[in-house]
PDB file of N, CA and C in Angstrom:
ATOM      1  N   MET A   1     -19.756  46.032 -18.629  1.00  0.00           N
ATOM      2  CA  MET A   1     -19.890  46.528 -19.885  1.00  0.00           C
ATOM      3  C   MET A   1     -18.684  45.994 -20.825  1.00  0.00           C
ATOM      4  N   LYS A   2     -19.007  45.566 -22.017  1.00  0.00           N
ATOM      5  CA  LYS A   2     -18.020  45.270 -23.017  1.00  0.00           C
ATOM      6  C   LYS A   2     -17.335  46.438 -23.681  1.00  0.00           C
ATOM      7  N   SER A   3     -15.975  46.191 -23.894  1.00  0.00           N
ATOM      8  CA  SER A   3     -15.247  47.238 -24.575  1.00  0.00           C
ATOM      9  C   SER A   3     -15.549  47.225 -26.009  1.00  0.00           C
ATOM     10  N   ALA A   4     -15.254  48.237 -26.811  1.00  0.00           N
ATOM     11  CA  ALA A   4     -15.541  48.280 -28.289  1.00  0.00           C
ATOM     12  C   ALA A   4     -14.884  47.108 -29.008  1.00  0.00           C
ATOM     13  N   PHE A   5     -13.677  46.721 -28.451  1.00  0.00           N
ATOM     14  CA  PHE A   5     -12.941  45.624 -29.074  1.00  0.00           C
ATOM     15  C   PHE A   5     -13.695  44.430 -28.963  1.00  0.00           C
ATOM     16  N   GLU A   6     -14.125  44.108 -27.696  1.00  0.00           N
ATOM     17  CA  GLU A   6     -14.978  42.936 -27.465  1.00  0.00           C
ATOM     18  C   GLU A   6     -16.122  42.684 -28.182  1.00  0.00           C
ATOM     19  N   GLY A   7     -16.845  43.890 -28.377  1.00  0.00           N
ATOM     20  CA  GLY A   7     -17.985  43.920 -29.285  1.00  0.00           C
ATOM     21  C   GLY A   7     -17.689  43.674 -30.617  1.00  0.00           C
ATOM     22  N   SER A   8     -16.480  44.219 -31.145  1.00  0.00           N
ATOM     23  CA  SER A   8     -16.120  44.020 -32.512  1.00  0.00           C
ATOM     24  C   SER A   8     -15.803  42.581 -32.759  1.00  0.00           C
ATOM     25  N   VAL A   9     -15.176  41.892 -31.842  1.00  0.00           N
ATOM     26  CA  VAL A   9     -14.787  40.551 -31.882  1.00  0.00           C
ATOM     27  C   VAL A   9     -16.027  39.642 -31.930  1.00  0.00           C
ATOM     28  N   ALA A  10     -17.143  39.975 -31.245  1.00  0.00           N
ATOM     29  CA  ALA A  10     -18.288  39.278 -31.064  1.00  0.00           C
ATOM     30  C   ALA A  10     -19.070  39.370 -32.476  1.00  0.00           C
ATOM     31  N   LEU A  11     -19.191  40.615 -32.966  1.00  0.00           N
ATOM     32  CA  LEU A  11     -19.771  40.976 -34.232  1.00  0.00           C
ATOM     33  C   LEU A  11     -19.112  40.094 -35.401  1.00  0.00           C
ATOM     34  N   THR A  12     -17.750  40.120 -35.360  1.00  0.00           N
ATOM     35  CA  THR A  12     -16.936  39.365 -36.399  1.00  0.00           C
ATOM     36  C   THR A  12     -17.396  37.868 -36.368  1.00  0.00           C
ATOM     37  N   ALA A  13     -17.377  37.291 -35.039  1.00  0.00           N
ATOM     38  CA  ALA A  13     -17.561  35.880 -34.924  1.00  0.00           C
ATOM     39  C   ALA A  13     -19.066  35.529 -35.513  1.00  0.00           C
ATOM     40  N   LEU A  14     -20.084  36.357 -35.097  1.00  0.00           N
ATOM     41  CA  LEU A  14     -21.437  36.236 -35.638  1.00  0.00           C
ATOM     42  C   LEU A  14     -21.493  36.323 -37.115  1.00  0.00           C
ATOM     43  N   ALA A  15     -20.805  37.293 -37.685  1.00  0.00           N
ATOM     44  CA  ALA A  15     -20.740  37.393 -39.096  1.00  0.00           C
ATOM     45  C   ALA A  15     -20.198  36.197 -39.832  1.00  0.00           C
ATOM     46  N   ALA A  16     -19.084  35.682 -39.214  1.00  0.00           N
ATOM     47  CA  ALA A  16     -18.409  34.511 -39.726  1.00  0.00           C
ATOM     48  C   ALA A  16     -19.340  33.319 -39.713  1.00  0.00           C
ATOM     49  N   GLU A  17     -20.094  33.164 -38.614  1.00  0.00           N
ATOM     50  CA  GLU A  17     -21.075  32.066 -38.422  1.00  0.00           C
ATOM     51  C   GLU A  17     -22.241  32.150 -39.433  1.00  0.00           C
ATOM     52  N   ALA A  18     -22.715  33.404 -39.619  1.00  0.00           N
ATOM     53  CA  ALA A  18     -23.744  33.588 -40.521  1.00  0.00           C
ATOM     54  C   ALA A  18     -23.397  33.310 -42.011  1.00  0.00           C
ATOM     55  N   ARG A  19     -22.287  33.617 -42.316  1.00  0.00           N
ATOM     56  CA  ARG A  19     -21.691  33.283 -43.678  1.00  0.00           C
ATOM     57  C   ARG A  19     -21.581  31.812 -43.815  1.00  0.00           C
ATOM     58  N   ARG A  20     -20.993  31.148 -42.837  1.00  0.00           N
ATOM     59  CA  ARG A  20     -20.893  29.685 -42.856  1.00  0.00           C
ATOM     60  C   ARG A  20     -22.150  29.004 -42.982  1.00  0.00           C
ATOM     61  N   ARG A  21     -23.258  29.542 -42.448  1.00  0.00           N
ATOM     62  CA  ARG A  21     -24.582  28.941 -42.546  1.00  0.00           C
ATOM     63  C   ARG A  21     -25.351  29.421 -43.886  1.00  0.00           C
ATOM     64  N   GLY A  22     -24.784  30.348 -44.498  1.00  0.00           N
ATOM     65  CA  GLY A  22     -25.486  30.915 -45.801  1.00  0.00           C
ATOM     66  C   GLY A  22     -26.572  31.844 -45.320  1.00  0.00           C
ATOM     67  N   ILE A  23     -26.361  32.506 -44.294  1.00  0.00           N
ATOM     68  CA  ILE A  23     -27.418  33.476 -43.818  1.00  0.00           C
ATOM     69  C   ILE A  23     -26.933  34.890 -44.136  1.00  0.00           C
ATOM     70  N   THR A  24     -27.803  35.603 -44.837  1.00  0.00           N
ATOM     71  CA  THR A  24     -27.452  36.971 -45.102  1.00  0.00           C
ATOM     72  C   THR A  24     -27.777  37.942 -43.952  1.00  0.00           C
ATOM     73  N   TYR A  25     -27.287  38.960 -43.809  1.00  0.00           N
ATOM     74  CA  TYR A  25     -27.386  39.818 -42.719  1.00  0.00           C
ATOM     75  C   TYR A  25     -26.969  41.239 -43.116  1.00  0.00           C
ATOM     76  N   GLY A  26     -27.443  42.206 -42.301  1.00  0.00           N
ATOM     77  CA  GLY A  26     -27.015  43.635 -42.442  1.00  0.00           C
ATOM     78  C   GLY A  26     -26.216  43.984 -41.021  1.00  0.00           C
ATOM     79  N   HIS A  27     -25.258  44.782 -41.170  1.00  0.00           N
ATOM     80  CA  HIS A  27     -24.418  45.223 -40.073  1.00  0.00           C
ATOM     81  C   HIS A  27     -24.708  46.598 -39.809  1.00  0.00           C
ATOM     82  N   LEU A  28     -25.556  46.969 -38.851  1.00  0.00           N
ATOM     83  CA  LEU A  28     -25.870  48.316 -38.506  1.00  0.00           C
ATOM     84  C   LEU A  28     -25.282  48.642 -37.226  1.00  0.00           C
ATOM     85  N   VAL A  29     -24.278  49.462 -37.169  1.00  0.00           N
ATOM     86  CA  VAL A  29     -23.674  49.922 -35.918  1.00  0.00           C
ATOM     87  C   VAL A  29     -23.588  51.519 -35.850  1.00  0.00           C
ATOM     88  N   GLY A  30     -23.045  52.104 -34.795  1.00  0.00           N
ATOM     89  CA  GLY A  30     -23.039  53.521 -34.665  1.00  0.00           C
ATOM     90  C   GLY A  30     -22.283  54.187 -35.797  1.00  0.00           C
ATOM     91  N   GLU A  31     -21.359  53.553 -36.310  1.00  0.00           N
ATOM     92  CA  GLU A  31     -20.583  54.239 -37.374  1.00  0.00           C
ATOM     93  C   GLU A  31     -21.177  54.138 -38.788  1.00  0.00           C
ATOM     94  N   THR A  32     -22.224  53.235 -38.889  1.00  0.00           N
ATOM     95  CA  THR A  32     -22.882  53.031 -40.150  1.00  0.00           C
ATOM     96  C   THR A  32     -23.534  54.380 -40.601  1.00  0.00           C
ATOM     97  N   THR A  33     -23.126  54.795 -41.827  1.00  0.00           N
ATOM     98  CA  THR A  33     -23.654  56.073 -42.368  1.00  0.00           C
ATOM     99  C   THR A  33     -25.258  55.912 -42.715  1.00  0.00           C
ATOM    100  N   PHE A  34     -25.929  57.051 -42.690  1.00  0.00           N
ATOM    101  CA  PHE A  34     -27.294  57.038 -43.128  1.00  0.00           C
ATOM    102  C   PHE A  34     -27.566  56.302 -44.465  1.00  0.00           C
ATOM    103  N   GLU A  35     -26.668  56.657 -45.398  1.00  0.00           N
ATOM    104  CA  GLU A  35     -26.821  56.080 -46.696  1.00  0.00           C
ATOM    105  C   GLU A  35     -26.618  54.539 -46.697  1.00  0.00           C
ATOM    106  N   GLU A  36     -25.581  54.158 -45.991  1.00  0.00           N
ATOM    107  CA  GLU A  36     -25.386  52.694 -45.897  1.00  0.00           C
ATOM    108  C   GLU A  36     -26.511  52.033 -45.285  1.00  0.00           C
ATOM    109  N   ARG A  37     -27.103  52.600 -44.133  1.00  0.00           N
ATOM    110  CA  ARG A  37     -28.330  51.964 -43.519  1.00  0.00           C
ATOM    111  C   ARG A  37     -29.415  51.798 -44.354  1.00  0.00           C
ATOM    112  N   GLU A  38     -29.773  52.850 -45.146  1.00  0.00           N
ATOM    113  CA  GLU A  38     -30.714  52.755 -46.223  1.00  0.00           C
ATOM    114  C   GLU A  38     -30.522  51.696 -47.176  1.00  0.00           C
ATOM    115  N   ARG A  39     -29.204  51.487 -47.634  1.00  0.00           N
ATOM    116  CA  ARG A  39     -28.943  50.429 -48.591  1.00  0.00           C
ATOM    117  C   ARG A  39     -29.209  49.122 -47.957  1.00  0.00           C
ATOM    118  N   ILE A  40     -28.682  48.876 -46.704  1.00  0.00           N
ATOM    119  CA  ILE A  40     -28.785  47.657 -46.027  1.00  0.00           C
ATOM    120  C   ILE A  40     -30.348  47.288 -45.931  1.00  0.00           C
ATOM    121  N   ILE A  41     -31.068  48.226 -45.476  1.00  0.00           N
ATOM    122  CA  ILE A  41     -32.523  48.003 -45.209  1.00  0.00           C
ATOM    123  C   ILE A  41     -33.210  47.710 -46.493  1.00  0.00           C
ATOM    124  N   ARG A  42     -32.936  48.370 -47.585  1.00  0.00           N
ATOM    125  CA  ARG A  42     -33.569  48.224 -48.911  1.00  0.00           C
ATOM    126  C   ARG A  42     -33.191  46.970 -49.400  1.00  0.00           C
ATOM    127  N   GLU A  43     -31.969  46.430 -49.305  1.00  0.00           N
ATOM    128  CA  GLU A  43     -31.564  45.145 -49.815  1.00  0.00           C
ATOM    129  C   GLU A  43     -32.284  44.006 -49.037  1.00  0.00           C
ATOM    130  N   TYR A  44     -32.437  44.232 -47.669  1.00  0.00           N
ATOM    131  CA  TYR A  44     -33.111  43.242 -47.007  1.00  0.00           C
ATOM    132  C   TYR A  44     -34.622  43.076 -47.209  1.00  0.00           C
ATOM    133  N   GLN A  45     -35.201  44.180 -47.533  1.00  0.00           N
ATOM    134  CA  GLN A  45     -36.538  44.191 -48.025  1.00  0.00           C
ATOM    135  C   GLN A  45     -36.734  43.553 -49.233  1.00  0.00           C
ATOM    136  N   GLU A  46     -35.889  43.855 -50.160  1.00  0.00           N
ATOM    137  CA  GLU A  46     -35.923  43.343 -51.560  1.00  0.00           C
ATOM    138  C   GLU A  46     -35.829  41.743 -51.431  1.00  0.00           C
ATOM    139  N   GLU A  47     -34.845  41.207 -50.591  1.00  0.00           N
ATOM    140  CA  GLU A  47     -34.672  39.844 -50.378  1.00  0.00           C
ATOM    141  C   GLU A  47     -35.775  39.186 -49.900  1.00  0.00           C
ATOM    142  N   LYS A  48     -36.453  39.864 -48.967  1.00  0.00           N
ATOM    143  CA  LYS A  48     -37.677  39.249 -48.276  1.00  0.00           C
ATOM    144  C   LYS A  48     -38.836  39.167 -49.218  1.00  0.00           C
ATOM    145  N   ARG A  49     -39.016  40.254 -50.119  1.00  0.00           N
ATOM    146  CA  ARG A  49     -39.983  40.186 -51.153  1.00  0.00           C
ATOM    147  C   ARG A  49     -39.766  39.094 -52.164  1.00  0.00           C
ATOM    148  N   GLU A  50     -38.528  38.825 -52.505  1.00  0.00           N
ATOM    149  CA  GLU A  50     -38.102  37.864 -53.479  1.00  0.00           C
ATOM    150  C   GLU A  50     -38.487  36.431 -52.845  1.00  0.00           C
ATOM    151  N   GLU A  51     -38.114  36.225 -51.462  1.00  0.00           N
ATOM    152  CA  GLU A  51     -38.353  35.001 -50.861  1.00  0.00           C
ATOM    153  C   GLU A  51     -39.891  34.674 -50.892  1.00  0.00           C
ATOM    154  N   LYS A  52     -40.725  35.669 -50.594  1.00  0.00           N
ATOM    155  CA  LYS A  52     -42.177  35.547 -50.608  1.00  0.00           C
ATOM    156  C   LYS A  52     -42.675  35.127 -51.988  1.00  0.00           C
ATOM    157  N   ARG A  53     -42.123  35.868 -53.044  1.00  0.00           N
ATOM    158  CA  ARG A  53     -42.581  35.461 -54.476  1.00  0.00           C
ATOM    159  C   ARG A  53     -42.177  34.062 -54.779  1.00  0.00           C
ATOM    160  N   ARG A  54     -40.980  33.585 -54.468  1.00  0.00           N
ATOM    161  CA  ARG A  54     -40.467  32.296 -54.637  1.00  0.00           C
ATOM    162  C   ARG A  54     -41.386  31.302 -53.957  1.00  0.00           C
ATOM    163  N   GLY A  55     -41.909  31.634 -52.655  1.00  0.00           N
ATOM    164  CA  GLY A  55     -42.728  30.735 -51.921  1.00  0.00           C
ATOM    165  C   GLY A  55     -44.057  30.586 -52.495  1.00  0.00           C
ATOM    166  N   ARG A  56     -44.633  31.614 -52.953  1.00  0.00           N
ATOM    167  CA  ARG A  56     -45.975  31.721 -53.690  1.00  0.00           C
ATOM    168  C   ARG A  56     -45.901  30.781 -54.945  1.00  0.00           C
ATOM    169  N   GLU A  57     -44.758  31.046 -55.666  1.00  0.00           N
ATOM    170  CA  GLU A  57     -44.624  30.282 -56.909  1.00  0.00           C
ATOM    171  C   GLU A  57     -44.560  28.700 -56.630  1.00  0.00           C
ATOM    172  N   ALA A  58     -43.801  28.374 -55.596  1.00  0.00           N
ATOM    173  CA  ALA A  58     -43.649  27.009 -55.324  1.00  0.00           C
ATOM    174  C   ALA A  58     -44.937  26.432 -54.790  1.00  0.00           C
ATOM    175  N   ALA A  59     -45.795  27.165 -54.040  1.00  0.00           N
ATOM    176  CA  ALA A  59     -46.977  26.733 -53.461  1.00  0.00           C
ATOM    177  C   ALA A  59     -48.045  26.461 -54.734  1.00  0.00           C
ATOM    178  N   GLY A  60     -47.965  27.425 -55.747  1.00  0.00           N
ATOM    179  CA  GLY A  60     -48.692  27.234 -56.867  1.00  0.00           C
ATOM    180  C   GLY A  60     -48.377  26.000 -57.620  1.00  0.00           C
ATOM    181  N   ARG A  61     -47.016  25.795 -57.939  1.00  0.00           N
ATOM    182  CA  ARG A  61     -46.666  24.500 -58.543  1.00  0.00           C
ATOM    183  C   ARG A  61     -47.140  23.256 -57.800  1.00  0.00           C
ATOM    184  N   GLU A  62     -46.997  23.248 -56.408  1.00  0.00           N
ATOM    185  CA  GLU A  62     -47.429  22.159 -55.744  1.00  0.00           C
ATOM    186  C   GLU A  62     -48.966  21.958 -55.887  1.00  0.00           C
ATOM    187  N   LYS A  63     -49.581  23.007 -55.916  1.00  0.00           N
ATOM    188  CA  LYS A  63     -51.106  22.932 -56.051  1.00  0.00           C
ATOM    189  C   LYS A  63     -51.480  22.251 -57.314  1.00  0.00           C
ATOM    190  N   LYS A  64     -50.826  22.818 -58.416  1.00  0.00           N
ATOM    191  CA  LYS A  64     -51.123  22.263 -59.785  1.00  0.00           C
ATOM    192  C   LYS A  64     -50.692  20.797 -59.777  1.00  0.00           C
ATOM    193  N   GLN A  65     -49.577  20.376 -59.183  1.00  0.00           N
ATOM    194  CA  GLN A  65     -49.100  19.061 -59.175  1.00  0.00           C
ATOM    195  C   GLN A  65     -50.112  18.103 -58.464  1.00  0.00           C
ATOM    196  N   LYS A  66     -50.687  18.567 -57.407  1.00  0.00           N
ATOM    197  CA  LYS A  66     -51.649  17.693 -56.594  1.00  0.00           C
ATOM    198  C   LYS A  66     -53.001  17.589 -57.460  1.00  0.00           C
ATOM    199  N   LYS A  67     -53.345  18.737 -58.189  1.00  0.00           N
ATOM    200  CA  LYS A  67     -54.538  18.682 -58.946  1.00  0.00           C
ATOM    201  C   LYS A  67     -54.389  17.651 -60.006  1.00  0.00           C
ATOM    202  N   LYS A  68     -53.223  17.757 -60.768  1.00  0.00           N
ATOM    203  CA  LYS A  68     -52.914  16.933 -61.840  1.00  0.00           C
ATOM    204  C   LYS A  68     -52.861  15.436 -61.406  1.00  0.00           C
ATOM    205  N   GLU A  69     -52.232  15.091 -60.219  1.00  0.00           N
ATOM    206  CA  GLU A  69     -52.289  13.734 -59.745  1.00  0.00           C
ATOM    207  C   GLU A  69     -53.568  13.164 -59.451  1.00  0.00           C
ATOM    208  N   LYS A  70     -54.571  14.194 -59.005  1.00  0.00           N
ATOM    209  CA  LYS A  70     -55.897  13.832 -58.561  1.00  0.00           C
ATOM    210  C   LYS A  70     -56.796  13.497 -59.846  1.00  0.00           C
ATOM    211  N   ASP A  71     -56.514  14.152 -60.941  1.00  0.00           N
ATOM    212  CA  ASP A  71     -57.286  13.855 -62.103  1.00  0.00           C
ATOM    213  C   ASP A  71     -56.841  12.617 -62.911  1.00  0.00           C
TER     214      ASP A  71
END
C-alpha cells in the first residue's frame, strides 16, 4: 500500500504531465470539499458540452463546404 506522500507525488506527476499535454482535469481526493467537487464536476460538464457544440459546428461547416464543392 502506498503512503499518502507517495500518492501525492504520483498525483503531482500526473497533473504536471496533463498540463504539459494541454489536458484539463479535475482533482478529487478525500480532502476535496463537497462545494469544490460540485465546481469541478460542473466545469467538466460545461467543457464537454462546449466541445460537442464545437464539433457539431465544425461538422456543419464541413458539410456545407462539400456541398459547395459539389455544386
